Amino acid sequence: MASSKEYDRRYYLANKERISQRMKQYYLENKEKIIQRTKQYHLENRIRICQYKKQDRQNHPDKVRKWGQVRYLKHGEKMLAKSKGRYAQASKALYDQFFQIYGDKCACCGESNRQFLTLDHINNNGVAERKAINWFGCMRKAIRESDKTQYQVLCYNCNYGKRRNKGICPHKS
């Protein structure tokens, strides 16, 4: 006597065309429902996988650390190069936006070479702000707020001179 799998296989091969036609017809009749169900399934699955991975990372930090070390040893050069490239692109884009809003010359001495220019906090609260949010965060905040009463463009010399001279640029004192 033939096994159930063997019988199913023979049945499928004998009726392949008819089965295929029925499946196509069912799909066409229920296309929207099938697509919606598939999207829902993938979303639920993605959420479940993310929760599992998060829980696994929390339960096995040593395993995660070791995996990261092995991965870094294997792909470290590539990872660093990619990271540096992304950082350079992001910082260039931020600087471009910043200079577009605040102008691209020093508010004190008139220096216009962008390599010498930087963000300055007019109220001398830059240290506190950078501790709360990093340098990229300060730059993004300055771009988002576009507040010329809090931020300005200074060259590094004027900015550092202002810092050492109790908030007043040496050019102006």
N, C-alpha and C. Protein backbone atom coordinates (compact mmCIF):
# COMPACT_ATOMS: atom_id res chain seq x y z
N MET A 1 0.83 -1.17 0.00
CA MET A 1 0.00 0.00 0.00
C MET A 1 0.89 1.25 0.00
N ALA A 2 0.55 2.26 -0.79
CA ALA A 2 1.33 3.48 -0.94
C ALA A 2 1.11 4.41 0.25
N SER A 3 2.14 5.16 0.57
CA SER A 3 2.03 6.11 1.69
C SER A 3 1.20 7.32 1.25
N SER A 4 0.76 8.06 2.24
CA SER A 4 -0.08 9.24 1.98
C SER A 4 0.68 10.28 1.15
N LYS A 5 1.96 10.50 1.45
CA LYS A 5 2.76 11.46 0.70
C LYS A 5 2.89 11.05 -0.75
N GLU A 6 3.12 9.76 -0.97
CA GLU A 6 3.29 9.25 -2.32
C GLU A 6 1.99 9.44 -3.11
N TYR A 7 0.84 9.15 -2.47
CA TYR A 7 -0.46 9.30 -3.12
C TYR A 7 -0.69 10.78 -3.47
N ASP A 8 -0.39 11.70 -2.51
CA ASP A 8 -0.57 13.14 -2.74
C ASP A 8 0.28 13.62 -3.91
N ARG A 9 1.48 13.11 -3.98
CA ARG A 9 2.39 13.50 -5.08
C ARG A 9 1.83 13.03 -6.42
N ARG A 10 1.39 11.78 -6.48
CA ARG A 10 0.83 11.25 -7.74
C ARG A 10 -0.42 12.02 -8.13
N TYR A 11 -1.27 12.36 -7.14
CA TYR A 11 -2.50 13.10 -7.41
C TYR A 11 -2.16 14.49 -7.97
N TYR A 12 -1.19 15.15 -7.34
CA TYR A 12 -0.79 16.49 -7.79
C TYR A 12 -0.26 16.44 -9.23
N LEU A 13 0.62 15.49 -9.50
CA LEU A 13 1.19 15.39 -10.85
C LEU A 13 0.11 15.11 -11.89
N ALA A 14 -0.86 14.30 -11.55
CA ALA A 14 -1.94 13.96 -12.50
C ALA A 14 -2.88 15.14 -12.71
N ASN A 15 -3.07 15.99 -11.70
CA ASN A 15 -4.05 17.08 -11.77
C ASN A 15 -3.40 18.47 -11.66
N LYS A 16 -2.17 18.57 -12.03
CA LYS A 16 -1.39 19.79 -11.87
C LYS A 16 -2.07 21.00 -12.51
N GLU A 17 -2.48 20.86 -13.75
CA GLU A 17 -3.08 21.96 -14.50
C GLU A 17 -4.38 22.44 -13.84
N ARG A 18 -5.24 21.52 -13.46
CA ARG A 18 -6.51 21.86 -12.84
C ARG A 18 -6.30 22.56 -11.49
N ILE A 19 -5.37 22.07 -10.69
CA ILE A 19 -5.05 22.67 -9.39
C ILE A 19 -4.52 24.09 -9.58
N SER A 20 -3.64 24.24 -10.54
CA SER A 20 -3.06 25.55 -10.84
C SER A 20 -4.14 26.55 -11.25
N GLN A 21 -5.07 26.13 -12.09
CA GLN A 21 -6.17 27.00 -12.53
C GLN A 21 -7.04 27.42 -11.33
N ARG A 22 -7.35 26.45 -10.44
CA ARG A 22 -8.17 26.77 -9.27
C ARG A 22 -7.47 27.78 -8.37
N MET A 23 -6.16 27.62 -8.19
CA MET A 23 -5.39 28.53 -7.33
C MET A 23 -5.37 29.94 -7.93
N LYS A 24 -5.19 30.04 -9.24
CA LYS A 24 -5.19 31.35 -9.89
C LYS A 24 -6.55 32.03 -9.75
N GLN A 25 -7.61 31.26 -9.98
CA GLN A 25 -8.96 31.80 -9.88
C GLN A 25 -9.24 32.27 -8.45
N TYR A 26 -8.86 31.49 -7.47
CA TYR A 26 -9.07 31.86 -6.06
C TYR A 26 -8.30 33.15 -5.75
N TYR A 27 -7.06 33.24 -6.25
CA TYR A 27 -6.25 34.44 -6.00
C TYR A 27 -6.91 35.67 -6.60
N LEU A 28 -7.37 35.57 -7.84
CA LEU A 28 -8.00 36.71 -8.49
C LEU A 28 -9.27 37.15 -7.77
N GLU A 29 -10.04 36.19 -7.28
CA GLU A 29 -11.27 36.52 -6.58
C GLU A 29 -11.02 37.13 -5.20
N ASN A 30 -9.94 36.75 -4.55
CA ASN A 30 -9.66 37.17 -3.17
C ASN A 30 -8.35 37.94 -3.04
N LYS A 31 -7.95 38.61 -4.10
CA LYS A 31 -6.65 39.27 -4.15
C LYS A 31 -6.45 40.26 -2.99
N GLU A 32 -7.39 41.18 -2.79
CA GLU A 32 -7.26 42.19 -1.74
C GLU A 32 -7.12 41.56 -0.35
N LYS A 33 -7.95 40.57 -0.09
CA LYS A 33 -7.94 39.90 1.22
C LYS A 33 -6.59 39.19 1.43
N ILE A 34 -6.09 38.54 0.40
CA ILE A 34 -4.82 37.82 0.49
C ILE A 34 -3.67 38.79 0.74
N ILE A 35 -3.66 39.89 0.00
CA ILE A 35 -2.59 40.89 0.16
C ILE A 35 -2.62 41.47 1.57
N GLN A 36 -3.81 41.82 2.04
CA GLN A 36 -3.96 42.38 3.39
C GLN A 36 -3.49 41.39 4.46
N ARG A 37 -3.88 40.13 4.31
CA ARG A 37 -3.49 39.09 5.27
C ARG A 37 -1.97 38.90 5.26
N THR A 38 -1.37 38.94 4.07
CA THR A 38 0.08 38.76 3.94
C THR A 38 0.81 39.92 4.62
N LYS A 39 0.36 41.15 4.38
CA LYS A 39 0.99 42.31 5.02
C LYS A 39 0.90 42.21 6.53
N GLN A 40 -0.28 41.85 7.01
CA GLN A 40 -0.49 41.72 8.46
C GLN A 40 0.43 40.65 9.04
N TYR A 41 0.55 39.53 8.36
CA TYR A 41 1.39 38.43 8.81
C TYR A 41 2.85 38.89 8.89
N HIS A 42 3.32 39.57 7.84
CA HIS A 42 4.72 40.01 7.83
C HIS A 42 4.98 41.04 8.93
N LEU A 43 4.03 41.93 9.15
CA LEU A 43 4.18 42.93 10.20
C LEU A 43 4.26 42.26 11.58
N GLU A 44 3.32 41.35 11.85
CA GLU A 44 3.33 40.64 13.13
C GLU A 44 4.61 39.84 13.30
N ASN A 45 5.05 39.21 12.23
CA ASN A 45 6.27 38.41 12.28
C ASN A 45 7.48 39.30 12.57
N ARG A 46 7.56 40.46 11.91
CA ARG A 46 8.67 41.38 12.12
C ARG A 46 8.70 41.86 13.57
N ILE A 47 7.52 42.20 14.11
CA ILE A 47 7.44 42.65 15.50
C ILE A 47 7.88 41.54 16.45
N ARG A 48 7.40 40.31 16.20
CA ARG A 48 7.76 39.18 17.04
C ARG A 48 9.26 38.92 17.01
N ILE A 49 9.86 39.00 15.84
CA ILE A 49 11.30 38.77 15.70
C ILE A 49 12.08 39.85 16.44
N CYS A 50 11.67 41.12 16.29
CA CYS A 50 12.35 42.21 16.99
C CYS A 50 12.28 42.04 18.50
N GLN A 51 11.11 41.65 19.01
CA GLN A 51 10.97 41.43 20.44
C GLN A 51 11.86 40.28 20.91
N TYR A 52 11.90 39.22 20.11
CA TYR A 52 12.73 38.07 20.46
C TYR A 52 14.20 38.48 20.49
N LYS A 53 14.64 39.22 19.47
CA LYS A 53 16.04 39.64 19.42
C LYS A 53 16.39 40.54 20.60
N LYS A 54 15.49 41.46 20.92
CA LYS A 54 15.74 42.37 22.05
C LYS A 54 15.85 41.58 23.35
N GLN A 55 14.93 40.64 23.53
CA GLN A 55 14.95 39.82 24.74
C GLN A 55 16.23 38.96 24.79
N ASP A 56 16.62 38.43 23.65
CA ASP A 56 17.82 37.60 23.57
C ASP A 56 19.06 38.43 23.91
N ARG A 57 19.11 39.68 23.40
CA ARG A 57 20.25 40.55 23.71
C ARG A 57 20.31 40.86 25.20
N GLN A 58 19.15 41.06 25.82
CA GLN A 58 19.12 41.36 27.25
C GLN A 58 19.51 40.14 28.09
N ASN A 59 19.07 38.97 27.68
CA ASN A 59 19.34 37.75 28.44
C ASN A 59 20.77 37.23 28.27
N HIS A 60 21.39 37.54 27.13
CA HIS A 60 22.73 37.00 26.83
C HIS A 60 23.69 38.10 26.37
N PRO A 61 24.01 39.07 27.24
CA PRO A 61 24.89 40.17 26.81
C PRO A 61 26.30 39.69 26.43
N ASP A 62 26.79 38.66 27.10
CA ASP A 62 28.13 38.15 26.77
C ASP A 62 28.16 37.55 25.36
N LYS A 63 27.11 36.84 25.04
CA LYS A 63 27.00 36.23 23.71
C LYS A 63 26.96 37.32 22.63
N VAL A 64 26.21 38.40 22.90
CA VAL A 64 26.10 39.51 21.95
C VAL A 64 27.46 40.20 21.80
N ARG A 65 28.15 40.42 22.93
CA ARG A 65 29.46 41.06 22.89
C ARG A 65 30.45 40.22 22.08
N LYS A 66 30.44 38.92 22.33
CA LYS A 66 31.35 38.03 21.61
C LYS A 66 31.03 38.03 20.12
N TRP A 67 29.73 38.01 19.78
CA TRP A 67 29.33 38.04 18.38
C TRP A 67 29.84 39.33 17.72
N GLY A 68 29.71 40.46 18.45
CA GLY A 68 30.18 41.74 17.92
C GLY A 68 31.68 41.75 17.72
N GLN A 69 32.43 41.15 18.65
CA GLN A 69 33.88 41.10 18.52
C GLN A 69 34.29 40.27 17.31
N VAL A 70 33.65 39.12 17.16
CA VAL A 70 33.97 38.24 16.02
C VAL A 70 33.65 38.97 14.72
N ARG A 71 32.49 39.62 14.69
CA ARG A 71 32.08 40.35 13.48
C ARG A 71 33.06 41.48 13.18
N TYR A 72 33.50 42.19 14.21
CA TYR A 72 34.43 43.29 14.00
C TYR A 72 35.78 42.78 13.50
N LEU A 73 36.24 41.67 14.06
CA LEU A 73 37.50 41.11 13.60
C LEU A 73 37.43 40.70 12.13
N LYS A 74 36.26 40.18 11.75
CA LYS A 74 36.09 39.71 10.39
C LYS A 74 35.88 40.86 9.39
N HIS A 75 35.08 41.86 9.79
CA HIS A 75 34.69 42.91 8.86
C HIS A 75 35.07 44.31 9.32
N GLY A 76 35.98 44.44 10.27
CA GLY A 76 36.30 45.72 10.89
C GLY A 76 36.68 46.82 9.92
N GLU A 77 37.56 46.50 8.98
CA GLU A 77 38.03 47.52 8.02
C GLU A 77 36.87 48.07 7.20
N LYS A 78 36.03 47.16 6.72
CA LYS A 78 34.88 47.56 5.91
C LYS A 78 33.91 48.41 6.73
N MET A 79 33.67 47.98 7.98
CA MET A 79 32.73 48.69 8.84
C MET A 79 33.22 50.11 9.13
N LEU A 80 34.53 50.25 9.41
CA LEU A 80 35.08 51.58 9.69
C LEU A 80 35.00 52.49 8.48
N ALA A 81 35.35 51.95 7.31
CA ALA A 81 35.30 52.75 6.09
C ALA A 81 33.88 53.23 5.81
N LYS A 82 32.92 52.34 5.97
CA LYS A 82 31.52 52.68 5.73
C LYS A 82 31.06 53.74 6.72
N SER A 83 31.44 53.57 7.98
CA SER A 83 31.05 54.50 9.03
C SER A 83 31.64 55.89 8.78
N LYS A 84 32.92 55.94 8.41
CA LYS A 84 33.56 57.23 8.13
C LYS A 84 32.90 57.92 6.96
N GLY A 85 32.53 57.15 5.95
CA GLY A 85 31.85 57.72 4.78
C GLY A 85 30.51 58.32 5.15
N ARG A 86 29.73 57.58 5.96
CA ARG A 86 28.42 58.08 6.39
C ARG A 86 28.58 59.32 7.26
N TYR A 87 29.56 59.31 8.16
CA TYR A 87 29.80 60.45 9.03
C TYR A 87 30.17 61.68 8.21
N ALA A 88 31.06 61.51 7.24
CA ALA A 88 31.48 62.63 6.40
C ALA A 88 30.31 63.20 5.62
N GLN A 89 29.48 62.34 5.04
CA GLN A 89 28.32 62.81 4.28
C GLN A 89 27.35 63.56 5.19
N ALA A 90 27.08 63.00 6.37
CA ALA A 90 26.13 63.62 7.30
C ALA A 90 26.64 64.97 7.77
N SER A 91 27.93 65.05 8.13
CA SER A 91 28.45 66.33 8.64
C SER A 91 28.50 67.37 7.53
N LYS A 92 28.83 66.97 6.31
CA LYS A 92 28.85 67.92 5.18
C LYS A 92 27.45 68.45 4.91
N ALA A 93 26.47 67.58 4.94
CA ALA A 93 25.09 68.01 4.71
C ALA A 93 24.62 68.97 5.80
N LEU A 94 24.97 68.67 7.06
CA LEU A 94 24.60 69.55 8.16
C LEU A 94 25.25 70.93 8.01
N TYR A 95 26.55 70.93 7.71
CA TYR A 95 27.25 72.19 7.52
C TYR A 95 26.63 72.99 6.38
N ASP A 96 26.30 72.34 5.27
CA ASP A 96 25.69 73.03 4.14
C ASP A 96 24.38 73.70 4.54
N GLN A 97 23.54 72.97 5.27
CA GLN A 97 22.27 73.54 5.73
C GLN A 97 22.51 74.70 6.69
N PHE A 98 23.45 74.51 7.60
CA PHE A 98 23.75 75.54 8.59
C PHE A 98 24.22 76.82 7.92
N PHE A 99 25.17 76.70 6.98
CA PHE A 99 25.69 77.89 6.30
C PHE A 99 24.64 78.54 5.41
N GLN A 100 23.74 77.76 4.89
CA GLN A 100 22.67 78.32 4.07
C GLN A 100 21.76 79.21 4.92
N ILE A 101 21.53 78.83 6.16
CA ILE A 101 20.66 79.60 7.05
C ILE A 101 21.39 80.79 7.68
N TYR A 102 22.59 80.57 8.20
CA TYR A 102 23.29 81.58 8.99
C TYR A 102 24.34 82.36 8.21
N GLY A 103 24.54 82.06 6.95
CA GLY A 103 25.56 82.73 6.16
C GLY A 103 26.88 82.00 6.25
N ASP A 104 27.78 82.30 5.33
CA ASP A 104 29.03 81.55 5.34
C ASP A 104 30.25 82.45 5.46
N LYS A 105 30.18 83.35 6.47
CA LYS A 105 31.38 84.10 6.85
C LYS A 105 31.30 84.44 8.33
N CYS A 106 32.45 84.59 8.93
CA CYS A 106 32.55 84.84 10.37
C CYS A 106 31.86 86.16 10.71
N ALA A 107 31.02 86.15 11.74
CA ALA A 107 30.28 87.34 12.15
C ALA A 107 31.21 88.40 12.75
N CYS A 108 32.40 88.00 13.15
CA CYS A 108 33.32 88.93 13.81
C CYS A 108 34.37 89.47 12.84
N CYS A 109 35.16 88.56 12.25
CA CYS A 109 36.30 89.02 11.44
C CYS A 109 36.06 88.92 9.94
N GLY A 110 34.98 88.25 9.51
CA GLY A 110 34.66 88.18 8.09
C GLY A 110 35.32 87.03 7.34
N GLU A 111 35.99 86.11 8.04
CA GLU A 111 36.61 84.94 7.40
C GLU A 111 35.54 84.16 6.64
N SER A 112 35.85 83.78 5.38
CA SER A 112 34.83 83.11 4.57
C SER A 112 35.22 81.69 4.13
N ASN A 113 36.40 81.22 4.52
CA ASN A 113 36.80 79.85 4.18
C ASN A 113 36.03 78.91 5.11
N ARG A 114 35.17 78.07 4.53
CA ARG A 114 34.30 77.21 5.33
C ARG A 114 35.05 76.26 6.26
N GLN A 115 36.28 75.93 5.92
CA GLN A 115 37.04 75.02 6.77
C GLN A 115 37.41 75.66 8.10
N PHE A 116 37.37 76.98 8.18
CA PHE A 116 37.69 77.68 9.41
C PHE A 116 36.46 78.07 10.22
N LEU A 117 35.26 77.84 9.68
CA LEU A 117 34.04 78.32 10.31
C LEU A 117 33.36 77.26 11.15
N THR A 118 32.65 77.72 12.18
CA THR A 118 31.96 76.79 13.08
C THR A 118 30.73 77.46 13.69
N LEU A 119 29.94 76.67 14.36
CA LEU A 119 28.75 77.12 15.07
C LEU A 119 29.17 77.76 16.39
N ASP A 120 28.59 78.92 16.72
CA ASP A 120 28.87 79.58 17.99
C ASP A 120 27.57 79.87 18.70
N HIS A 121 27.55 79.65 20.01
CA HIS A 121 26.40 79.97 20.84
C HIS A 121 26.59 81.40 21.34
N ILE A 122 25.74 82.30 20.94
CA ILE A 122 25.88 83.71 21.28
C ILE A 122 25.83 83.92 22.79
N ASN A 123 24.98 83.16 23.49
CA ASN A 123 24.80 83.33 24.94
C ASN A 123 25.82 82.55 25.76
N ASN A 124 26.84 82.02 25.13
CA ASN A 124 27.92 81.26 25.79
C ASN A 124 27.41 80.05 26.58
N ASN A 125 26.39 79.37 26.05
CA ASN A 125 25.86 78.17 26.70
C ASN A 125 26.16 76.91 25.89
N GLY A 126 27.19 76.96 25.09
CA GLY A 126 27.51 75.84 24.21
C GLY A 126 27.94 74.59 24.95
N VAL A 127 28.73 74.73 26.01
CA VAL A 127 29.21 73.57 26.76
C VAL A 127 28.04 72.80 27.36
N ALA A 128 27.12 73.53 27.99
CA ALA A 128 25.97 72.88 28.62
C ALA A 128 25.10 72.19 27.56
N GLU A 129 24.92 72.85 26.42
CA GLU A 129 24.08 72.26 25.37
C GLU A 129 24.73 71.02 24.77
N ARG A 130 26.05 71.06 24.59
CA ARG A 130 26.75 69.89 24.03
C ARG A 130 26.75 68.72 25.01
N LYS A 131 26.71 69.00 26.31
CA LYS A 131 26.62 67.92 27.29
C LYS A 131 25.24 67.28 27.24
N ALA A 132 24.21 68.10 27.05
CA ALA A 132 22.83 67.59 26.99
C ALA A 132 22.60 66.82 25.68
N ILE A 133 23.04 67.42 24.58
CA ILE A 133 22.95 66.76 23.26
C ILE A 133 24.30 66.93 22.59
N ASN A 134 24.71 65.97 21.80
CA ASN A 134 26.05 66.01 21.21
C ASN A 134 26.18 67.11 20.15
N TRP A 135 27.34 67.20 19.52
CA TRP A 135 27.62 68.25 18.54
C TRP A 135 26.62 68.21 17.39
N PHE A 136 26.35 66.99 16.86
CA PHE A 136 25.38 66.87 15.77
C PHE A 136 24.02 67.38 16.23
N GLY A 137 23.66 67.10 17.47
CA GLY A 137 22.39 67.56 18.02
C GLY A 137 22.33 69.08 18.07
N CYS A 138 23.43 69.72 18.49
CA CYS A 138 23.48 71.19 18.52
C CYS A 138 23.29 71.76 17.12
N MET A 139 23.99 71.18 16.16
CA MET A 139 23.90 71.65 14.78
C MET A 139 22.47 71.47 14.25
N ARG A 140 21.87 70.31 14.51
CA ARG A 140 20.49 70.06 14.06
C ARG A 140 19.52 71.04 14.72
N LYS A 141 19.72 71.30 16.01
CA LYS A 141 18.85 72.22 16.74
C LYS A 141 18.97 73.63 16.15
N ALA A 142 20.18 74.05 15.86
CA ALA A 142 20.39 75.38 15.27
C ALA A 142 19.71 75.47 13.91
N ILE A 143 19.77 74.41 13.13
CA ILE A 143 19.13 74.40 11.81
C ILE A 143 17.61 74.41 11.97
N ARG A 144 17.11 73.57 12.88
CA ARG A 144 15.66 73.44 13.07
C ARG A 144 15.06 74.76 13.58
N GLU A 145 15.73 75.41 14.54
CA GLU A 145 15.17 76.62 15.13
C GLU A 145 15.44 77.87 14.29
N SER A 146 16.54 77.89 13.55
CA SER A 146 16.93 79.05 12.74
C SER A 146 16.85 80.35 13.53
N ASP A 147 17.33 80.31 14.77
CA ASP A 147 17.24 81.44 15.69
C ASP A 147 18.57 82.19 15.70
N LYS A 148 18.62 83.33 15.02
CA LYS A 148 19.87 84.08 14.91
C LYS A 148 20.20 84.88 16.16
N THR A 149 19.33 84.77 17.18
CA THR A 149 19.64 85.42 18.46
C THR A 149 20.37 84.46 19.39
N GLN A 150 20.39 83.17 19.05
CA GLN A 150 21.08 82.17 19.88
C GLN A 150 22.34 81.62 19.22
N TYR A 151 22.36 81.57 17.89
CA TYR A 151 23.48 80.96 17.17
C TYR A 151 24.02 81.91 16.11
N GLN A 152 25.31 81.75 15.83
CA GLN A 152 25.93 82.52 14.76
C GLN A 152 27.11 81.74 14.21
N VAL A 153 27.65 82.22 13.10
CA VAL A 153 28.83 81.61 12.49
C VAL A 153 30.05 82.41 12.94
N LEU A 154 31.02 81.71 13.50
CA LEU A 154 32.30 82.33 13.84
C LEU A 154 33.42 81.45 13.31
N CYS A 155 34.57 82.04 13.06
CA CYS A 155 35.73 81.21 12.73
C CYS A 155 36.24 80.61 14.03
N TYR A 156 37.04 79.57 13.92
CA TYR A 156 37.53 78.90 15.13
C TYR A 156 38.35 79.85 16.00
N ASN A 157 39.13 80.76 15.40
CA ASN A 157 39.94 81.70 16.19
C ASN A 157 39.06 82.62 17.02
N CYS A 158 38.05 83.20 16.41
CA CYS A 158 37.15 84.10 17.15
C CYS A 158 36.37 83.33 18.21
N ASN A 159 35.93 82.12 17.88
CA ASN A 159 35.17 81.31 18.81
C ASN A 159 36.02 80.98 20.04
N TYR A 160 37.26 80.54 19.81
CA TYR A 160 38.13 80.19 20.93
C TYR A 160 38.54 81.43 21.71
N GLY A 161 38.81 82.52 21.01
CA GLY A 161 39.16 83.78 21.67
C GLY A 161 38.02 84.25 22.55
N LYS A 162 36.80 84.12 22.06
CA LYS A 162 35.61 84.50 22.83
C LYS A 162 35.51 83.65 24.09
N ARG A 163 35.82 82.37 23.94
CA ARG A 163 35.75 81.45 25.09
C ARG A 163 36.78 81.83 26.16
N ARG A 164 37.98 82.19 25.73
CA ARG A 164 39.05 82.51 26.68
C ARG A 164 38.92 83.92 27.25
N ASN A 165 38.16 84.77 26.56
CA ASN A 165 38.06 86.18 26.96
C ASN A 165 36.70 86.50 27.60
N LYS A 166 36.14 85.54 28.30
CA LYS A 166 34.88 85.70 29.04
C LYS A 166 33.71 86.17 28.16
N GLY A 167 33.60 85.56 26.96
CA GLY A 167 32.43 85.82 26.12
C GLY A 167 32.56 86.96 25.14
N ILE A 168 33.73 87.58 25.07
CA ILE A 168 33.92 88.70 24.14
C ILE A 168 35.11 88.37 23.24
N CYS A 169 34.90 88.45 21.93
CA CYS A 169 35.98 88.15 20.98
C CYS A 169 37.10 89.17 21.15
N PRO A 170 38.37 88.75 21.13
CA PRO A 170 39.49 89.68 21.25
C PRO A 170 39.50 90.78 20.18
N HIS A 171 38.88 90.52 19.03
CA HIS A 171 38.79 91.55 18.00
C HIS A 171 37.98 92.75 18.48
N LYS A 172 36.99 92.49 19.34
CA LYS A 172 36.06 93.54 19.76
C LYS A 172 36.44 94.17 21.11
N SER A 173 37.40 93.57 21.83
CA SER A 173 37.73 94.15 23.14
C SER A 173 38.88 95.12 23.05
